[in-house]
């Protein structure tokens, strides 16, 4: 009986070593699972102080204000138009800069 136990024990040990080696080889060659994800990101802001919108708005408002009134009233209308245009231009640029863009990112497990 002792002669049968040793070969059976060796056979079991060999089988378990082979299965561990096969599992280790499988897990080491496993490819990562990759997928694409759409992500919302804020657009890159180039003019943080909104100078371009403010300047263009002031010029446009000043030109429109200059068309109104006469004499000293024309100067006041031009100044008021420039101030109002600057505020409006700044707000318009701010609204345009706060938009987001959709980008696709590749993620892997």
Protein backbone atom coordinates (compact mmCIF):
# COMPACT_ATOMS: atom_id res chain seq x y z
CA UNK A 1 0.00 0.00 0.00
CA UNK A 2 2.88 2.28 0.75
CA UNK A 3 4.15 1.77 -2.79
CA UNK A 4 0.87 3.14 -4.20
CA UNK A 5 0.64 6.24 -2.01
CA UNK A 6 3.92 7.76 -3.10
CA UNK A 7 3.19 7.68 -6.88
CA UNK A 8 -0.31 9.07 -6.26
CA UNK A 9 1.13 11.85 -4.11
CA UNK A 10 3.71 12.68 -6.79
CA UNK A 11 1.02 12.68 -9.50
CA UNK A 12 -1.18 15.05 -7.48
CA UNK A 13 1.72 17.37 -6.76
CA UNK A 14 2.73 17.45 -10.43
CA UNK A 15 -0.85 18.19 -11.55
CA UNK A 16 -1.22 21.06 -9.09
CA UNK A 17 2.13 22.55 -10.17
CA UNK A 18 1.08 22.40 -13.82
CA UNK A 19 -2.26 24.08 -13.12
CA UNK A 20 -0.57 26.87 -11.13
CA UNK A 21 1.93 27.42 -13.96
CA UNK A 22 -0.87 27.50 -16.56
CA UNK A 23 -2.84 30.01 -14.46
CA UNK A 24 0.22 32.24 -13.99
CA UNK A 25 0.93 32.21 -17.72
CA UNK A 26 -2.69 33.06 -18.56
CA UNK A 27 -2.89 35.94 -16.11
CA UNK A 28 0.43 37.44 -17.21
CA UNK A 29 -0.51 37.50 -20.92
CA UNK A 30 -4.00 38.91 -20.30
CA UNK A 31 -4.62 42.03 -22.39
CA UNK A 32 -6.15 45.04 -20.61
CA UNK A 33 -9.75 45.86 -21.43
CA UNK A 34 -9.81 49.32 -23.07
CA UNK A 35 -12.80 51.46 -23.96
CA UNK A 36 -13.59 55.01 -25.08
CA UNK A 37 -15.44 57.46 -22.82
CA UNK A 38 -16.89 60.84 -23.81
CA UNK A 39 -15.97 63.49 -21.24
CA UNK A 40 -17.16 67.10 -20.94
CA UNK A 41 -14.26 69.49 -20.38
CA UNK A 42 -14.25 73.29 -20.20
CA UNK A 43 -12.74 75.01 -23.20
CA UNK A 44 -9.30 76.48 -22.76
CA UNK A 45 -9.59 80.19 -21.97
CA UNK A 46 -7.07 82.33 -23.85
CA UNK A 47 -8.36 85.77 -22.78
CA UNK A 48 -9.10 85.38 -19.07
CA UNK A 49 -9.69 89.10 -18.51
CA UNK A 50 -12.08 89.40 -21.47
CA UNK A 51 -10.20 92.39 -22.87
CA UNK A 52 -11.14 91.72 -26.50
CA UNK A 53 -14.88 91.59 -25.79
CA UNK A 54 -14.72 94.67 -23.59
CA UNK A 55 -12.76 96.70 -26.18
CA UNK A 56 -14.92 95.68 -29.14
CA UNK A 57 -18.08 96.35 -27.17
CA UNK A 58 -16.84 99.79 -26.11
CA UNK A 59 -15.99 100.76 -29.70
CA UNK A 60 -19.32 99.52 -31.05
CA UNK A 61 -21.27 101.19 -28.21
CA UNK A 62 -19.38 104.45 -28.67
CA UNK A 63 -20.12 104.49 -32.40
CA UNK A 64 -23.81 103.85 -31.79
CA UNK A 65 -23.96 106.44 -29.01
CA UNK A 66 -22.31 109.00 -31.28
CA UNK A 67 -25.25 108.70 -33.68
CA UNK A 68 -27.64 109.95 -30.98
CA UNK A 69 -28.14 113.53 -29.79
CA UNK A 70 -26.40 116.74 -30.69
CA UNK A 71 -23.96 119.15 -29.07
CA UNK A 72 -22.88 118.18 -25.55
CA UNK A 73 -25.60 115.49 -25.52
CA UNK A 74 -23.73 113.73 -28.29
CA UNK A 75 -20.62 113.46 -26.09
CA UNK A 76 -22.65 112.07 -23.19
CA UNK A 77 -24.40 109.59 -25.50
CA UNK A 78 -21.05 108.49 -26.93
CA UNK A 79 -19.58 107.94 -23.44
CA UNK A 80 -22.70 106.12 -22.23
CA UNK A 81 -22.72 103.97 -25.38
CA UNK A 82 -19.06 103.10 -24.86
CA UNK A 83 -19.63 102.08 -21.24
CA UNK A 84 -22.76 100.09 -22.09
CA UNK A 85 -21.05 98.43 -25.05
CA UNK A 86 -18.04 97.50 -22.93
CA UNK A 87 -20.27 95.82 -20.34
CA UNK A 88 -22.25 94.00 -23.04
CA UNK A 89 -19.12 92.90 -24.92
CA UNK A 90 -17.53 91.58 -21.76
CA UNK A 91 -20.66 89.60 -20.90
CA UNK A 92 -20.92 88.15 -24.42
CA UNK A 93 -17.29 87.00 -24.33
CA UNK A 94 -17.79 85.53 -20.85
CA UNK A 95 -20.75 83.48 -22.09
CA UNK A 96 -18.72 82.20 -25.03
CA UNK A 97 -15.78 81.20 -22.82
CA UNK A 98 -17.91 79.25 -20.33
CA UNK A 99 -18.82 76.61 -22.89
CA UNK A 100 -17.59 73.04 -22.65
CA UNK A 101 -16.34 70.68 -25.29
CA UNK A 102 -16.74 66.92 -25.57
CA UNK A 103 -13.54 64.93 -25.86
CA UNK A 104 -13.03 61.18 -26.12
CA UNK A 105 -10.66 59.61 -23.59
CA UNK A 106 -9.29 56.07 -23.81
CA UNK A 107 -9.45 54.18 -20.50
CA UNK A 108 -8.07 50.72 -19.72
CA UNK A 109 -8.71 48.34 -16.81
